[in-house]
C-alpha atoms as a PDB file:
ATOM      1  CA  MET A   1      -8.025  -4.927 -11.195  1.00  0.00           C
ATOM      2  CA  ILE A   2     -11.775  -5.076 -10.701  1.00  0.00           C
ATOM      3  CA  ALA A   3     -13.215  -7.934  -8.674  1.00  0.00           C
ATOM      4  CA  ARG A   4     -14.836 -10.726 -10.632  1.00  0.00           C
ATOM      5  CA  PRO A   5     -18.534 -11.300 -10.023  1.00  0.00           C
ATOM      6  CA  GLY A   6     -19.317 -13.427  -7.034  1.00  0.00           C
ATOM      7  CA  THR A   7     -15.779 -13.097  -5.699  1.00  0.00           C
ATOM      8  CA  LEU A   8     -15.825  -9.828  -3.830  1.00  0.00           C
ATOM      9  CA  PRO A   9     -12.890 -10.021  -1.423  1.00  0.00           C
ATOM     10  CA  LEU A  10     -14.595  -7.883   1.216  1.00  0.00           C
ATOM     11  CA  SER A  11     -14.827  -8.323   4.952  1.00  0.00           C
ATOM     12  CA  ALA A  12     -18.350  -8.573   6.355  1.00  0.00           C
ATOM     13  CA  GLN A  13     -18.157  -4.975   7.615  1.00  0.00           C
ATOM     14  CA  GLN A  14     -16.853  -3.640   4.297  1.00  0.00           C
ATOM     15  CA  GLU A  15     -19.588  -5.440   2.400  1.00  0.00           C
ATOM     16  CA  ARG A  16     -22.250  -4.108   4.769  1.00  0.00           C
ATOM     17  CA  VAL A  17     -21.006  -0.532   4.323  1.00  0.00           C
ATOM     18  CA  ILE A  18     -21.136  -0.874   0.519  1.00  0.00           C
ATOM     19  CA  ALA A  19     -24.550  -2.578   0.684  1.00  0.00           C
ATOM     20  CA  LEU A  20     -25.969   0.245   2.796  1.00  0.00           C
ATOM     21  CA  ALA A  21     -24.424   2.831   0.465  1.00  0.00           C
ATOM     22  CA  ALA A  22     -26.083   0.983  -2.439  1.00  0.00           C
ATOM     23  CA  GLN A  23     -29.393   1.543  -0.641  1.00  0.00           C
ATOM     24  CA  GLY A  24     -28.705   5.269  -0.787  1.00  0.00           C
ATOM     25  CA  LYS A  25     -27.740   5.710   2.858  1.00  0.00           C
ATOM     26  CA  THR A  26     -25.371   8.472   3.853  1.00  0.00           C
ATOM     27  CA  ASN A  27     -22.247   7.912   5.939  1.00  0.00           C
ATOM     28  CA  ASP A  28     -24.096   9.352   8.954  1.00  0.00           C
ATOM     29  CA  GLU A  29     -26.976   6.901   8.456  1.00  0.00           C
ATOM     30  CA  ILE A  30     -24.584   3.983   7.941  1.00  0.00           C
ATOM     31  CA  SER A  31     -22.666   4.968  11.062  1.00  0.00           C
ATOM     32  CA  ALA A  32     -25.860   5.117  13.126  1.00  0.00           C
ATOM     33  CA  GLU A  33     -27.183   1.816  11.766  1.00  0.00           C
ATOM     34  CA  MET A  34     -23.925  -0.059  12.284  1.00  0.00           C
ATOM     35  CA  GLY A  35     -23.118   1.653  15.586  1.00  0.00           C
ATOM     36  CA  ILE A  36     -19.596   2.594  14.532  1.00  0.00           C
ATOM     37  CA  ALA A  37     -17.786   5.904  14.097  1.00  0.00           C
ATOM     38  CA  LEU A  38     -17.857   7.890  10.859  1.00  0.00           C
ATOM     39  CA  ARG A  39     -14.098   7.524  10.628  1.00  0.00           C
ATOM     40  CA  THR A  40     -14.495   3.744  10.715  1.00  0.00           C
ATOM     41  CA  ILE A  41     -17.112   3.926   7.946  1.00  0.00           C
ATOM     42  CA  ASP A  42     -14.621   5.904   5.852  1.00  0.00           C
ATOM     43  CA  VAL A  43     -11.885   3.319   6.481  1.00  0.00           C
ATOM     44  CA  HIS A  44     -14.223   0.441   5.520  1.00  0.00           C
ATOM     45  CA  ARG A  45     -15.239   2.283   2.338  1.00  0.00           C
ATOM     46  CA  ARG A  46     -11.669   3.039   1.287  1.00  0.00           C
ATOM     47  CA  MET A  47     -10.539  -0.532   1.954  1.00  0.00           C
ATOM     48  CA  ALA A  48     -13.530  -1.910   0.024  1.00  0.00           C
ATOM     49  CA  TYR A  49     -12.857   0.408  -2.929  1.00  0.00           C
ATOM     50  CA  ALA A  50      -9.218  -0.719  -3.021  1.00  0.00           C
ATOM     51  CA  LYS A  51     -10.132  -4.417  -2.875  1.00  0.00           C
ATOM     52  CA  MET A  52     -12.797  -3.978  -5.580  1.00  0.00           C
ATOM     53  CA  GLY A  53     -10.619  -1.879  -7.862  1.00  0.00           C
ATOM     54  CA  ALA A  54     -13.108   0.980  -7.601  1.00  0.00           C
ATOM     55  CA  SER A  55     -12.174   4.638  -7.635  1.00  0.00           C
ATOM     56  CA  SER A  56     -15.528   6.089  -6.559  1.00  0.00           C
ATOM     57  CA  ALA A  57     -18.708   5.285  -4.657  1.00  0.00           C
ATOM     58  CA  PRO A  58     -20.809   4.850  -7.822  1.00  0.00           C
ATOM     59  CA  GLN A  59     -18.229   2.472  -9.287  1.00  0.00           C
ATOM     60  CA  ALA A  60     -18.004   0.457  -6.049  1.00  0.00           C
ATOM     61  CA  ILE A  61     -21.796   0.217  -5.848  1.00  0.00           C
ATOM     62  CA  ALA A  62     -22.020  -0.878  -9.485  1.00  0.00           C
ATOM     63  CA  ILE A  63     -19.388  -3.589  -8.925  1.00  0.00           C
ATOM     64  CA  TYR A  64     -21.138  -4.708  -5.736  1.00  0.00           C
ATOM     65  CA  LEU A  65     -24.547  -4.936  -7.426  1.00  0.00           C
ATOM     66  CA  TRP A  66     -23.085  -6.657 -10.493  1.00  0.00           C
ATOM     67  CA  ALA A  67     -21.428  -9.262  -8.264  1.00  0.00           C
ATOM     68  CA  LYS A  68     -24.641  -9.832  -6.300  1.00  0.00           C
ATOM     69  CA  ILE A  69     -26.705 -10.220  -9.476  1.00  0.00           C
ATOM     70  CA  HIS A  70     -24.152 -12.666 -10.878  1.00  0.00           C
ATOM     71  CA  ALA A  71     -24.184 -14.685  -7.640  1.00  0.00           C
ATOM     72  CA  LEU A  72     -28.002 -14.840  -7.763  1.00  0.00           C
ATOM     73  CA  GLU A  73     -27.914 -15.962 -11.403  1.00  0.00           C
ATOM     74  CA  GLU A  74     -25.465 -18.737 -10.509  1.00  0.00           C
ATOM     75  CA  GLU A  75     -27.638 -19.831  -7.581  1.00  0.00           C
ATOM     76  CA  ASN A  76     -30.722 -19.790  -9.807  1.00  0.00           C
ATOM     77  CA  ALA A  77     -28.971 -22.004 -12.374  1.00  0.00           C
ATOM     78  CA  ARG A  78     -27.849 -24.390  -9.628  1.00  0.00           C
ATOM     79  CA  LEU A  79     -31.381 -24.653  -8.232  1.00  0.00           C
ATOM     80  CA  ARG A  80     -32.871 -25.180 -11.688  1.00  0.00           C
ATOM     81  CA  GLN A  81     -30.414 -28.032 -12.248  1.00  0.00           C
ATOM     82  CA  LYS A  82     -31.390 -29.647  -8.944  1.00  0.00           C
ATOM     83  CA  LEU A  83     -35.077 -29.277  -9.768  1.00  0.00           C
ATOM     84  CA  SER A  84     -34.508 -30.876 -13.152  1.00  0.00           C
ATOM     85  CA  GLU A  85     -32.698 -33.792 -11.493  1.00  0.00           C
ATOM     86  CA  VAL A  86     -35.522 -34.265  -8.978  1.00  0.00           C
ATOM     87  CA  ARG A  87     -38.151 -34.280 -11.708  1.00  0.00           C
ATOM     88  CA  ASN A  88     -36.308 -36.950 -13.684  1.00  0.00           C
END
């Protein structure tokens, strides 16, 4: 099952690893930036893939970006509604 948009069930560390991968960073770069071992990066990636229903890095990144875009669209709609209420 693939995660629904805006409901990624990831830990903060798992989400950060996927976010950095989405930026095109390698495992070595992610490891250096986060200050954790490569093995730990691999564990975070595998756990994130499993939680997201992804079978590869490109699929996990696509799901992650899709969820983030959806969350931004929902926030935009919420803010537009508030603005409309304030104007009236």
